[in-house]
C-alpha atoms as a PDB file:
ATOM      1  CA  MET A   1    -107.215  -8.046 -41.022  1.00  0.00           C
ATOM      2  CA  LYS A   2    -104.415 -10.565 -40.505  1.00  0.00           C
ATOM      3  CA  LYS A   3    -101.594 -10.819 -43.036  1.00  0.00           C
ATOM      4  CA  HIS A   4    -101.114 -14.252 -44.559  1.00  0.00           C
ATOM      5  CA  GLN A   5     -97.980 -16.104 -45.580  1.00  0.00           C
ATOM      6  CA  SER A   6     -98.012 -17.589 -49.086  1.00  0.00           C
ATOM      7  CA  LYS A   7     -97.318 -21.061 -47.598  1.00  0.00           C
ATOM      8  CA  GLU A   8    -100.716 -20.961 -45.890  1.00  0.00           C
ATOM      9  CA  ILE A   9    -102.992 -19.591 -48.573  1.00  0.00           C
ATOM     10  CA  ALA A  10    -103.095 -19.483 -52.359  1.00  0.00           C
ATOM     11  CA  VAL A  11    -105.327 -17.137 -54.355  1.00  0.00           C
ATOM     12  CA  ILE A  12    -105.714 -17.634 -58.093  1.00  0.00           C
ATOM     13  CA  CYS A  13    -107.219 -14.885 -60.251  1.00  0.00           C
ATOM     14  CA  GLY A  14    -109.352 -16.457 -62.978  1.00  0.00           C
ATOM     15  CA  SER A  15    -109.633 -14.894 -66.428  1.00  0.00           C
ATOM     16  CA  ALA A  16    -113.087 -13.453 -65.624  1.00  0.00           C
ATOM     17  CA  SER A  17    -111.931 -11.506 -62.535  1.00  0.00           C
ATOM     18  CA  PRO A  18    -108.227 -10.589 -62.799  1.00  0.00           C
ATOM     19  CA  ASP A  19    -108.541  -7.010 -61.550  1.00  0.00           C
ATOM     20  CA  LEU A  20    -110.796  -7.804 -58.612  1.00  0.00           C
ATOM     21  CA  GLY A  21    -108.585 -10.769 -57.751  1.00  0.00           C
ATOM     22  CA  LYS A  22    -105.483  -8.565 -57.643  1.00  0.00           C
ATOM     23  CA  LYS A  23    -107.247  -6.007 -55.431  1.00  0.00           C
ATOM     24  CA  ILE A  24    -108.302  -8.793 -53.055  1.00  0.00           C
ATOM     25  CA  CYS A  25    -104.727 -10.081 -52.857  1.00  0.00           C
ATOM     26  CA  GLU A  26    -103.446  -6.569 -52.133  1.00  0.00           C
ATOM     27  CA  ARG A  27    -105.873  -6.303 -49.225  1.00  0.00           C
ATOM     28  CA  LEU A  28    -104.756  -9.711 -47.951  1.00  0.00           C
ATOM     29  CA  GLY A  29    -101.094  -8.712 -48.219  1.00  0.00           C
ATOM     30  CA  ILE A  30    -100.178 -11.566 -50.573  1.00  0.00           C
ATOM     31  CA  LYS A  31     -99.300 -12.015 -54.236  1.00  0.00           C
ATOM     32  CA  PRO A  32    -101.680 -13.885 -56.567  1.00  0.00           C
ATOM     33  CA  THR A  33    -100.583 -17.460 -57.185  1.00  0.00           C
ATOM     34  CA  ALA A  34     -98.933 -17.719 -60.591  1.00  0.00           C
ATOM     35  CA  ALA A  35    -101.281 -19.417 -63.021  1.00  0.00           C
ATOM     36  CA  GLU A  36    -102.127 -19.637 -66.692  1.00  0.00           C
ATOM     37  CA  VAL A  37    -105.260 -20.058 -68.793  1.00  0.00           C
ATOM     38  CA  ILE A  38    -104.929 -21.050 -72.456  1.00  0.00           C
ATOM     39  CA  THR A  39    -107.759 -21.187 -74.973  1.00  0.00           C
ATOM     40  CA  PHE A  40    -106.764 -23.368 -77.911  1.00  0.00           C
ATOM     41  CA  SER A  41    -107.775 -22.628 -81.488  1.00  0.00           C
ATOM     42  CA  GLU A  42    -110.871 -24.843 -81.396  1.00  0.00           C
ATOM     43  CA  GLY A  43    -112.084 -23.276 -78.121  1.00  0.00           C
ATOM     44  CA  ASN A  44    -110.711 -25.822 -75.637  1.00  0.00           C
ATOM     45  CA  THR A  45    -109.765 -24.266 -72.276  1.00  0.00           C
ATOM     46  CA  PHE A  46    -106.625 -25.304 -70.366  1.00  0.00           C
ATOM     47  CA  VAL A  47    -105.755 -24.134 -66.839  1.00  0.00           C
ATOM     48  CA  ARG A  48    -102.634 -24.697 -64.741  1.00  0.00           C
ATOM     49  CA  ALA A  49    -101.304 -23.425 -61.433  1.00  0.00           C
ATOM     50  CA  LEU A  50     -97.637 -22.507 -61.850  1.00  0.00           C
ATOM     51  CA  GLU A  51     -96.850 -22.788 -58.133  1.00  0.00           C
ATOM     52  CA  ASN A  52     -97.104 -25.587 -55.603  1.00  0.00           C
ATOM     53  CA  VAL A  53    -100.494 -25.558 -53.805  1.00  0.00           C
ATOM     54  CA  ARG A  54    -100.113 -28.837 -51.895  1.00  0.00           C
ATOM     55  CA  GLY A  55    -101.624 -28.529 -48.424  1.00  0.00           C
ATOM     56  CA  LYS A  56    -102.708 -24.915 -48.956  1.00  0.00           C
ATOM     57  CA  ASP A  57    -106.134 -23.388 -48.606  1.00  0.00           C
ATOM     58  CA  THR A  58    -106.831 -22.196 -52.131  1.00  0.00           C
ATOM     59  CA  TYR A  59    -109.272 -19.583 -53.404  1.00  0.00           C
ATOM     60  CA  ILE A  60    -110.134 -19.148 -57.065  1.00  0.00           C
ATOM     61  CA  ILE A  61    -111.581 -15.708 -57.898  1.00  0.00           C
ATOM     62  CA  GLN A  62    -113.724 -16.297 -60.970  1.00  0.00           C
ATOM     63  CA  GLY A  63    -116.949 -14.516 -61.863  1.00  0.00           C
ATOM     64  CA  VAL A  64    -119.544 -16.331 -63.952  1.00  0.00           C
ATOM     65  CA  ASN A  65    -120.293 -13.493 -66.355  1.00  0.00           C
ATOM     66  CA  TYR A  66    -119.964 -13.108 -70.132  1.00  0.00           C
ATOM     67  CA  PRO A  67    -118.872 -15.356 -71.763  1.00  0.00           C
ATOM     68  CA  VAL A  68    -120.877 -17.200 -69.126  1.00  0.00           C
ATOM     69  CA  ASP A  69    -120.441 -20.824 -70.193  1.00  0.00           C
ATOM     70  CA  ARG A  70    -116.710 -20.477 -70.858  1.00  0.00           C
ATOM     71  CA  ASN A  71    -116.115 -18.782 -67.521  1.00  0.00           C
ATOM     72  CA  PHE A  72    -118.106 -21.406 -65.647  1.00  0.00           C
ATOM     73  CA  MET A  73    -116.207 -24.242 -67.342  1.00  0.00           C
ATOM     74  CA  GLU A  74    -112.936 -22.522 -66.432  1.00  0.00           C
ATOM     75  CA  LEU A  75    -114.086 -22.389 -62.810  1.00  0.00           C
ATOM     76  CA  LEU A  76    -114.804 -26.146 -62.862  1.00  0.00           C
ATOM     77  CA  PHE A  77    -111.401 -26.868 -64.373  1.00  0.00           C
ATOM     78  CA  TRP A  78    -109.674 -24.731 -61.715  1.00  0.00           C
ATOM     79  CA  VAL A  79    -111.410 -26.554 -58.889  1.00  0.00           C
ATOM     80  CA  ASP A  80    -110.480 -29.926 -60.397  1.00  0.00           C
ATOM     81  CA  ALA A  81    -106.868 -28.859 -61.029  1.00  0.00           C
ATOM     82  CA  LEU A  82    -106.414 -27.627 -57.461  1.00  0.00           C
ATOM     83  CA  LYS A  83    -107.972 -30.747 -55.929  1.00  0.00           C
ATOM     84  CA  LEU A  84    -105.725 -32.955 -58.069  1.00  0.00           C
ATOM     85  CA  ALA A  85    -102.754 -30.861 -56.916  1.00  0.00           C
ATOM     86  CA  SER A  86    -103.580 -31.809 -53.304  1.00  0.00           C
ATOM     87  CA  ALA A  87    -104.808 -28.426 -52.132  1.00  0.00           C
ATOM     88  CA  ALA A  88    -106.131 -28.676 -48.587  1.00  0.00           C
ATOM     89  CA  GLN A  89    -109.362 -26.843 -49.401  1.00  0.00           C
ATOM     90  CA  VAL A  90    -110.708 -25.219 -52.546  1.00  0.00           C
ATOM     91  CA  THR A  91    -113.091 -22.272 -52.274  1.00  0.00           C
ATOM     92  CA  ALA A  92    -114.778 -20.897 -55.378  1.00  0.00           C
ATOM     93  CA  VAL A  93    -115.073 -17.119 -54.986  1.00  0.00           C
ATOM     94  CA  ILE A  94    -117.802 -16.136 -57.457  1.00  0.00           C
ATOM     95  CA  PRO A  95    -118.340 -12.352 -57.388  1.00  0.00           C
ATOM     96  CA  PHE A  96    -121.215 -12.606 -59.898  1.00  0.00           C
ATOM     97  CA  PHE A  97    -123.110 -15.817 -60.692  1.00  0.00           C
ATOM     98  CA  SER A  98    -125.164 -15.232 -63.824  1.00  0.00           C
ATOM     99  CA  TYR A  99    -127.077 -18.518 -63.620  1.00  0.00           C
ATOM    100  CA  ALA A 100    -128.646 -17.428 -60.334  1.00  0.00           C
ATOM    101  CA  LYS A 101    -131.576 -16.304 -62.476  1.00  0.00           C
ATOM    102  CA  GLY A 102    -132.227 -19.962 -63.346  1.00  0.00           C
ATOM    103  CA  ASP A 103    -133.458 -20.929 -59.883  1.00  0.00           C
ATOM    104  CA  LYS A 104    -136.800 -22.652 -60.590  1.00  0.00           C
ATOM    105  CA  LYS A 105    -138.871 -24.635 -63.093  1.00  0.00           C
ATOM    106  CA  ASP A 106    -141.572 -22.065 -63.808  1.00  0.00           C
ATOM    107  CA  GLU A 107    -142.194 -23.140 -67.421  1.00  0.00           C
ATOM    108  CA  PRO A 108    -142.637 -26.577 -69.020  1.00  0.00           C
ATOM    109  CA  ARG A 109    -139.538 -28.482 -70.144  1.00  0.00           C
ATOM    110  CA  VAL A 110    -136.874 -26.094 -68.807  1.00  0.00           C
ATOM    111  CA  SER A 111    -133.716 -26.685 -66.805  1.00  0.00           C
ATOM    112  CA  ILE A 112    -133.099 -25.426 -63.274  1.00  0.00           C
ATOM    113  CA  ARG A 113    -129.735 -24.081 -64.395  1.00  0.00           C
ATOM    114  CA  ALA A 114    -128.453 -22.817 -61.052  1.00  0.00           C
ATOM    115  CA  ARG A 115    -128.947 -26.239 -59.472  1.00  0.00           C
ATOM    116  CA  VAL A 116    -127.117 -27.932 -62.370  1.00  0.00           C
ATOM    117  CA  CYS A 117    -124.159 -25.565 -61.900  1.00  0.00           C
ATOM    118  CA  PHE A 118    -123.868 -26.253 -58.181  1.00  0.00           C
ATOM    119  CA  ASP A 119    -124.185 -29.993 -58.791  1.00  0.00           C
ATOM    120  CA  ALA A 120    -121.213 -29.669 -61.153  1.00  0.00           C
ATOM    121  CA  LEU A 121    -119.153 -27.685 -58.619  1.00  0.00           C
ATOM    122  CA  GLU A 122    -119.873 -30.313 -56.000  1.00  0.00           C
ATOM    123  CA  ALA A 123    -118.970 -33.119 -58.409  1.00  0.00           C
ATOM    124  CA  VAL A 124    -115.479 -31.712 -59.087  1.00  0.00           C
ATOM    125  CA  GLY A 125    -114.807 -31.367 -55.359  1.00  0.00           C
ATOM    126  CA  CYS A 126    -115.448 -27.714 -54.528  1.00  0.00           C
ATOM    127  CA  ASP A 127    -115.317 -27.390 -50.735  1.00  0.00           C
ATOM    128  CA  ARG A 128    -116.920 -23.989 -50.324  1.00  0.00           C
ATOM    129  CA  VAL A 129    -118.457 -21.095 -52.277  1.00  0.00           C
ATOM    130  CA  LEU A 130    -118.155 -17.392 -51.491  1.00  0.00           C
ATOM    131  CA  THR A 131    -120.415 -15.153 -53.560  1.00  0.00           C
ATOM    132  CA  MET A 132    -122.253 -11.825 -53.514  1.00  0.00           C
ATOM    133  CA  ASP A 133    -125.853 -10.643 -53.978  1.00  0.00           C
ATOM    134  CA  LEU A 134    -127.333 -13.710 -55.638  1.00  0.00           C
ATOM    135  CA  HIS A 135    -130.365 -12.830 -57.752  1.00  0.00           C
ATOM    136  CA  SER A 136    -132.188 -15.636 -55.946  1.00  0.00           C
ATOM    137  CA  PRO A 137    -130.667 -16.179 -52.482  1.00  0.00           C
ATOM    138  CA  GLN A 138    -132.609 -19.414 -51.990  1.00  0.00           C
ATOM    139  CA  ILE A 139    -130.275 -21.182 -54.438  1.00  0.00           C
ATOM    140  CA  GLN A 140    -127.831 -21.478 -51.548  1.00  0.00           C
ATOM    141  CA  GLY A 141    -129.879 -24.592 -50.819  1.00  0.00           C
ATOM    142  CA  PHE A 142    -128.685 -26.155 -54.094  1.00  0.00           C
ATOM    143  CA  PHE A 143    -125.141 -26.522 -52.727  1.00  0.00           C
ATOM    144  CA  ARG A 144    -124.599 -29.065 -49.966  1.00  0.00           C
ATOM    145  CA  LYS A 145    -121.268 -27.582 -48.900  1.00  0.00           C
ATOM    146  CA  PRO A 146    -120.775 -24.293 -47.005  1.00  0.00           C
ATOM    147  CA  MET A 147    -121.756 -21.168 -48.915  1.00  0.00           C
ATOM    148  CA  ASP A 148    -121.129 -17.611 -47.731  1.00  0.00           C
ATOM    149  CA  HIS A 149    -123.326 -14.928 -49.277  1.00  0.00           C
ATOM    150  CA  LEU A 150    -122.022 -11.358 -49.078  1.00  0.00           C
ATOM    151  CA  TYR A 151    -123.977  -8.146 -49.676  1.00  0.00           C
ATOM    152  CA  ALA A 152    -122.700  -4.991 -51.378  1.00  0.00           C
ATOM    153  CA  ARG A 153    -125.282  -2.895 -49.542  1.00  0.00           C
ATOM    154  CA  THR A 154    -122.877  -1.402 -46.988  1.00  0.00           C
ATOM    155  CA  VAL A 155    -120.333  -0.386 -49.651  1.00  0.00           C
ATOM    156  CA  ILE A 156    -123.027   1.273 -51.784  1.00  0.00           C
ATOM    157  CA  ALA A 157    -124.684   2.919 -48.782  1.00  0.00           C
ATOM    158  CA  ASP A 158    -121.347   4.435 -47.741  1.00  0.00           C
ATOM    159  CA  TYR A 159    -121.067   6.052 -51.169  1.00  0.00           C
ATOM    160  CA  PHE A 160    -124.550   7.585 -51.094  1.00  0.00           C
ATOM    161  CA  ARG A 161    -124.475   8.593 -47.441  1.00  0.00           C
ATOM    162  CA  LYS A 162    -122.051  11.357 -48.446  1.00  0.00           C
ATOM    163  CA  LYS A 163    -124.636  12.750 -50.885  1.00  0.00           C
ATOM    164  CA  MET A 164    -127.518  12.734 -48.418  1.00  0.00           C
ATOM    165  CA  GLN A 165    -126.993  15.998 -46.573  1.00  0.00           C
ATOM    166  CA  LYS A 166    -130.738  16.254 -45.879  1.00  0.00           C
ATOM    167  CA  LYS A 167    -132.248  12.786 -45.461  1.00  0.00           C
ATOM    168  CA  ASP A 168    -135.771  14.212 -45.578  1.00  0.00           C
ATOM    169  CA  ASP A 169    -135.178  14.861 -49.279  1.00  0.00           C
ATOM    170  CA  TRP A 170    -134.471  11.208 -50.138  1.00  0.00           C
ATOM    171  CA  VAL A 171    -136.254   7.899 -50.644  1.00  0.00           C
ATOM    172  CA  VAL A 172    -134.945   4.469 -51.619  1.00  0.00           C
ATOM    173  CA  ALA A 173    -136.901   2.696 -54.368  1.00  0.00           C
ATOM    174  CA  SER A 174    -137.210  -0.794 -55.789  1.00  0.00           C
ATOM    175  CA  ALA A 175    -138.585  -1.330 -59.294  1.00  0.00           C
ATOM    176  CA  ASP A 176    -140.548  -4.369 -58.124  1.00  0.00           C
ATOM    177  CA  VAL A 177    -141.804  -6.215 -55.067  1.00  0.00           C
ATOM    178  CA  GLY A 178    -139.218  -8.975 -55.568  1.00  0.00           C
ATOM    179  CA  TYR A 179    -136.368  -6.682 -54.501  1.00  0.00           C
ATOM    180  CA  GLY A 180    -138.504  -4.883 -51.945  1.00  0.00           C
ATOM    181  CA  LYS A 181    -137.001  -6.612 -48.902  1.00  0.00           C
ATOM    182  CA  ASN A 182    -133.502  -5.605 -49.979  1.00  0.00           C
ATOM    183  CA  ALA A 183    -134.679  -2.059 -50.689  1.00  0.00           C
ATOM    184  CA  PHE A 184    -136.118  -1.936 -47.166  1.00  0.00           C
ATOM    185  CA  LYS A 185    -132.690  -2.888 -45.778  1.00  0.00           C
ATOM    186  CA  PHE A 186    -131.099  -0.160 -47.884  1.00  0.00           C
ATOM    187  CA  GLY A 187    -133.610   2.222 -46.369  1.00  0.00           C
ATOM    188  CA  GLN A 188    -132.674   1.086 -42.867  1.00  0.00           C
ATOM    189  CA  GLU A 189    -128.977   1.472 -43.660  1.00  0.00           C
ATOM    190  CA  LEU A 190    -129.481   5.035 -44.926  1.00  0.00           C
ATOM    191  CA  ASP A 191    -132.343   5.921 -42.550  1.00  0.00           C
ATOM    192  CA  VAL A 192    -134.710   7.016 -45.337  1.00  0.00           C
ATOM    193  CA  PRO A 193    -138.201   5.846 -46.466  1.00  0.00           C
ATOM    194  CA  VAL A 194    -138.746   3.175 -49.128  1.00  0.00           C
ATOM    195  CA  VAL A 195    -141.114   3.092 -52.125  1.00  0.00           C
ATOM    196  CA  ILE A 196    -141.912   0.130 -54.380  1.00  0.00           C
ATOM    197  CA  GLY A 197    -142.785  -0.057 -58.072  1.00  0.00           C
ATOM    198  CA  ASN A 198    -145.186  -2.544 -59.621  1.00  0.00           C
ATOM    199  CA  LYS A 199    -143.311  -4.130 -62.538  1.00  0.00           C
ATOM    200  CA  LEU A 200    -144.734  -6.303 -65.289  1.00  0.00           C
ATOM    201  CA  ARG A 201    -142.485  -8.447 -67.487  1.00  0.00           C
ATOM    202  CA  LYS A 202    -144.513 -10.291 -70.147  1.00  0.00           C
ATOM    203  CA  ASP A 203    -141.768 -12.425 -71.752  1.00  0.00           C
ATOM    204  CA  HIS A 204    -137.992 -13.044 -71.957  1.00  0.00           C
ATOM    205  CA  THR A 205    -137.207  -9.910 -73.996  1.00  0.00           C
ATOM    206  CA  GLU A 206    -135.891  -8.157 -70.843  1.00  0.00           C
ATOM    207  CA  ASN A 207    -138.337  -5.295 -71.381  1.00  0.00           C
ATOM    208  CA  ALA A 208    -140.153  -4.173 -68.248  1.00  0.00           C
ATOM    209  CA  GLN A 209    -143.215  -1.992 -67.706  1.00  0.00           C
ATOM    210  CA  ILE A 210    -143.805  -0.125 -64.448  1.00  0.00           C
ATOM    211  CA  TRP A 211    -147.487   0.191 -63.541  1.00  0.00           C
ATOM    212  CA  ASN A 212    -147.314   2.560 -60.610  1.00  0.00           C
ATOM    213  CA  ILE A 213    -145.335   3.422 -57.478  1.00  0.00           C
ATOM    214  CA  VAL A 214    -146.441   2.561 -53.955  1.00  0.00           C
ATOM    215  CA  GLY A 215    -145.213   5.448 -51.797  1.00  0.00           C
ATOM    216  CA  ASP A 216    -144.535   9.176 -52.118  1.00  0.00           C
ATOM    217  CA  VAL A 217    -141.693  10.433 -54.339  1.00  0.00           C
ATOM    218  CA  LYS A 218    -142.915  13.993 -54.942  1.00  0.00           C
ATOM    219  CA  ASP A 219    -140.101  16.533 -54.382  1.00  0.00           C
ATOM    220  CA  LYS A 220    -137.744  13.714 -53.321  1.00  0.00           C
ATOM    221  CA  ASN A 221    -134.390  12.534 -54.597  1.00  0.00           C
ATOM    222  CA  VAL A 222    -134.857   8.872 -55.480  1.00  0.00           C
ATOM    223  CA  LEU A 223    -132.228   6.118 -55.148  1.00  0.00           C
ATOM    224  CA  ILE A 224    -133.341   3.060 -57.135  1.00  0.00           C
ATOM    225  CA  VAL A 225    -131.582  -0.104 -55.944  1.00  0.00           C
ATOM    226  CA  ASP A 226    -131.298  -3.504 -57.607  1.00  0.00           C
ATOM    227  CA  ASP A 227    -128.965  -6.491 -57.784  1.00  0.00           C
ATOM    228  CA  ILE A 228    -128.301  -6.669 -61.555  1.00  0.00           C
ATOM    229  CA  ILE A 229    -128.523  -4.311 -64.508  1.00  0.00           C
ATOM    230  CA  PHE A 230    -128.651  -5.900 -67.973  1.00  0.00           C
ATOM    231  CA  THR A 231    -130.384  -3.588 -70.461  1.00  0.00           C
ATOM    232  CA  GLY A 232    -131.340  -0.923 -67.924  1.00  0.00           C
ATOM    233  CA  GLY A 233    -135.010  -1.257 -68.855  1.00  0.00           C
ATOM    234  CA  SER A 234    -136.338  -1.725 -65.322  1.00  0.00           C
ATOM    235  CA  LEU A 235    -134.292   1.142 -63.884  1.00  0.00           C
ATOM    236  CA  ILE A 236    -135.276   3.508 -66.673  1.00  0.00           C
ATOM    237  CA  ALA A 237    -138.967   2.607 -66.426  1.00  0.00           C
ATOM    238  CA  MET A 238    -138.904   3.132 -62.657  1.00  0.00           C
ATOM    239  CA  ALA A 239    -137.042   6.435 -63.051  1.00  0.00           C
ATOM    240  CA  GLU A 240    -139.576   7.704 -65.583  1.00  0.00           C
ATOM    241  CA  ALA A 241    -142.459   6.692 -63.322  1.00  0.00           C
ATOM    242  CA  ALA A 242    -140.854   8.520 -60.397  1.00  0.00           C
ATOM    243  CA  LYS A 243    -140.280  11.635 -62.496  1.00  0.00           C
ATOM    244  CA  ALA A 244    -143.907  11.544 -63.619  1.00  0.00           C
ATOM    245  CA  GLN A 245    -144.929  11.619 -59.941  1.00  0.00           C
ATOM    246  CA  GLY A 246    -142.826  14.696 -59.181  1.00  0.00           C
ATOM    247  CA  ALA A 247    -139.457  13.277 -58.094  1.00  0.00           C
ATOM    248  CA  LYS A 248    -136.362  15.482 -58.230  1.00  0.00           C
ATOM    249  CA  ASP A 249    -133.004  13.830 -59.037  1.00  0.00           C
ATOM    250  CA  ILE A 250    -132.949  10.101 -59.781  1.00  0.00           C
ATOM    251  CA  TYR A 251    -129.992   7.892 -58.868  1.00  0.00           C
ATOM    252  CA  ALA A 252    -129.478   4.148 -59.235  1.00  0.00           C
ATOM    253  CA  ALA A 253    -127.276   1.666 -57.382  1.00  0.00           C
ATOM    254  CA  VAL A 254    -126.754  -1.878 -58.644  1.00  0.00           C
ATOM    255  CA  THR A 255    -124.344  -4.546 -57.419  1.00  0.00           C
ATOM    256  CA  HIS A 256    -123.677  -6.313 -60.728  1.00  0.00           C
ATOM    257  CA  GLY A 257    -123.191  -3.950 -63.668  1.00  0.00           C
ATOM    258  CA  VAL A 258    -123.518  -6.384 -66.583  1.00  0.00           C
ATOM    259  CA  LEU A 259    -124.796  -3.673 -68.987  1.00  0.00           C
ATOM    260  CA  THR A 260    -125.344  -5.490 -72.266  1.00  0.00           C
ATOM    261  CA  ALA A 261    -124.852  -3.867 -75.687  1.00  0.00           C
ATOM    262  CA  SER A 262    -126.971  -0.721 -76.243  1.00  0.00           C
ATOM    263  CA  ALA A 263    -127.598  -0.265 -72.493  1.00  0.00           C
ATOM    264  CA  GLN A 264    -125.105   2.599 -72.349  1.00  0.00           C
ATOM    265  CA  GLN A 265    -126.996   4.753 -74.821  1.00  0.00           C
ATOM    266  CA  LYS A 266    -130.332   4.087 -73.126  1.00  0.00           C
ATOM    267  CA  LEU A 267    -128.930   5.087 -69.748  1.00  0.00           C
ATOM    268  CA  SER A 268    -127.184   8.139 -71.177  1.00  0.00           C
ATOM    269  CA  ASP A 269    -130.494   9.318 -72.648  1.00  0.00           C
ATOM    270  CA  SER A 270    -132.475   8.520 -69.492  1.00  0.00           C
ATOM    271  CA  VAL A 271    -133.578  10.775 -66.639  1.00  0.00           C
ATOM    272  CA  ILE A 272    -131.212   8.955 -64.256  1.00  0.00           C
ATOM    273  CA  LYS A 273    -128.505  11.332 -63.034  1.00  0.00           C
ATOM    274  CA  GLU A 274    -125.946   8.756 -61.835  1.00  0.00           C
ATOM    275  CA  ILE A 275    -125.637   4.965 -61.709  1.00  0.00           C
ATOM    276  CA  VAL A 276    -123.306   3.291 -59.201  1.00  0.00           C
ATOM    277  CA  VAL A 277    -122.135  -0.296 -59.741  1.00  0.00           C
ATOM    278  CA  THR A 278    -119.526  -2.466 -58.038  1.00  0.00           C
ATOM    279  CA  ASP A 279    -116.532  -4.205 -59.632  1.00  0.00           C
ATOM    280  CA  THR A 280    -117.974  -7.737 -59.487  1.00  0.00           C
ATOM    281  CA  VAL A 281    -118.292  -7.823 -63.304  1.00  0.00           C
ATOM    282  CA  GLU A 282    -115.209  -6.918 -65.339  1.00  0.00           C
ATOM    283  CA  TYR A 283    -116.332  -7.687 -68.888  1.00  0.00           C
ATOM    284  CA  ARG A 284    -117.563  -4.621 -70.801  1.00  0.00           C
ATOM    285  CA  PHE A 285    -119.879  -4.968 -73.783  1.00  0.00           C
ATOM    286  CA  GLU A 286    -119.279  -1.218 -74.229  1.00  0.00           C
ATOM    287  CA  PRO A 287    -117.131   1.261 -72.266  1.00  0.00           C
ATOM    288  CA  PHE A 288    -118.920   2.803 -69.306  1.00  0.00           C
ATOM    289  CA  GLY A 289    -120.331   6.252 -69.937  1.00  0.00           C
ATOM    290  CA  PRO A 290    -119.881   9.277 -67.662  1.00  0.00           C
ATOM    291  CA  LYS A 291    -123.079   8.542 -65.712  1.00  0.00           C
ATOM    292  CA  ILE A 292    -121.701   5.261 -64.363  1.00  0.00           C
ATOM    293  CA  LYS A 293    -119.441   5.178 -61.287  1.00  0.00           C
ATOM    294  CA  THR A 294    -117.748   2.081 -59.855  1.00  0.00           C
ATOM    295  CA  VAL A 295    -117.106   1.248 -56.202  1.00  0.00           C
ATOM    296  CA  SER A 296    -114.959  -1.703 -55.138  1.00  0.00           C
ATOM    297  CA  VAL A 297    -116.074  -4.686 -53.075  1.00  0.00           C
ATOM    298  CA  ALA A 298    -112.518  -6.079 -52.893  1.00  0.00           C
ATOM    299  CA  PRO A 299    -112.112  -5.110 -49.199  1.00  0.00           C
ATOM    300  CA  LEU A 300    -115.298  -7.002 -48.329  1.00  0.00           C
ATOM    301  CA  PHE A 301    -114.226 -10.147 -50.192  1.00  0.00           C
ATOM    302  CA  ALA A 302    -110.722  -9.942 -48.705  1.00  0.00           C
ATOM    303  CA  GLU A 303    -112.090  -9.698 -45.175  1.00  0.00           C
ATOM    304  CA  ALA A 304    -114.394 -12.656 -45.803  1.00  0.00           C
ATOM    305  CA  ILE A 305    -111.520 -14.758 -47.190  1.00  0.00           C
ATOM    306  CA  SER A 306    -109.345 -13.806 -44.207  1.00  0.00           C
ATOM    307  CA  ARG A 307    -112.060 -14.857 -41.781  1.00  0.00           C
ATOM    308  CA  ILE A 308    -112.765 -18.126 -43.598  1.00  0.00           C
ATOM    309  CA  HIS A 309    -109.060 -18.940 -43.728  1.00  0.00           C
ATOM    310  CA  ASN A 310    -108.612 -18.247 -40.003  1.00  0.00           C
ATOM    311  CA  ASN A 311    -111.773 -20.153 -39.021  1.00  0.00           C
ATOM    312  CA  GLU A 312    -113.444 -16.972 -37.805  1.00  0.00           C
ATOM    313  CA  SER A 313    -117.073 -15.993 -38.088  1.00  0.00           C
ATOM    314  CA  ILE A 314    -117.994 -13.804 -41.040  1.00  0.00           C
ATOM    315  CA  SER A 315    -121.452 -12.988 -39.649  1.00  0.00           C
ATOM    316  CA  ALA A 316    -120.216  -9.525 -38.678  1.00  0.00           C
ATOM    317  CA  LEU A 317    -119.884  -8.759 -42.403  1.00  0.00           C
ATOM    318  CA  PHE A 318    -123.595  -9.288 -42.976  1.00  0.00           C
ATOM    319  CA  PRO A 319    -125.789  -6.205 -42.478  1.00  0.00           C
ATOM    320  CA  ALA A 320    -128.572  -6.831 -39.971  1.00  0.00           C
END
């Protein structure tokens, strides 16, 4: 990775992703651009870059996680502030984009929220988006500017490869068909078979029911993979179904560890032995329990930013 001079590139760490932003800057060999975010007493958000960004390629590291609306508005204000400060290019680096779940109009009189968000980013002048493991990858089509979509699969696979001394004892699992293609790629990465659960979700309560599992888990260690964990309901239901069919140890790997209130206790009481998440989401509804381990995707984001900044291809970062 090439080292960058501060006169060429500016990286601002938004209030949603300060730790990840600092790790990315360390990998790039630069200091974060001095900046401030103020929330006034009535809730009004104010952002300001404290260094000159004129003519620089600027990157704002800002996840759209809880509080989702406030963090998204801050991202819009940062893009606008940097464009008005004559930055050469503004890239929104969004480690986690919560509104990716709002990708379609599948009920009467609802908003396609992801499309509205990307319309807003485009309206304030965002030149590019860099993100990771969108819940619905097709929403890349909502943004008419370049969008680079990274995957945490390689980072997570590296972690679990060290545990898999005998690959014959392992399978990768998805709790539903929707994530099946990604689970298959995990299986390819780790060179182990894949099984799929049939999941039913009747409403918006975030409670899931697993019908059955397609594939053999008897006497196998099972690695359940997914993109997001909110309440843990899907993972727990899949883990229980696998245990009922004779599985040995159950593990889970999820890119975005949102983990809403009460999820910790459910996971602690579950049959899952260990849950691995990345550092794309920094807000904690509750402290992580001992079952949850975190791996960093900062090196992957830093390499992508370096390649974008130097007009190099980032295709090599995408698993086949």
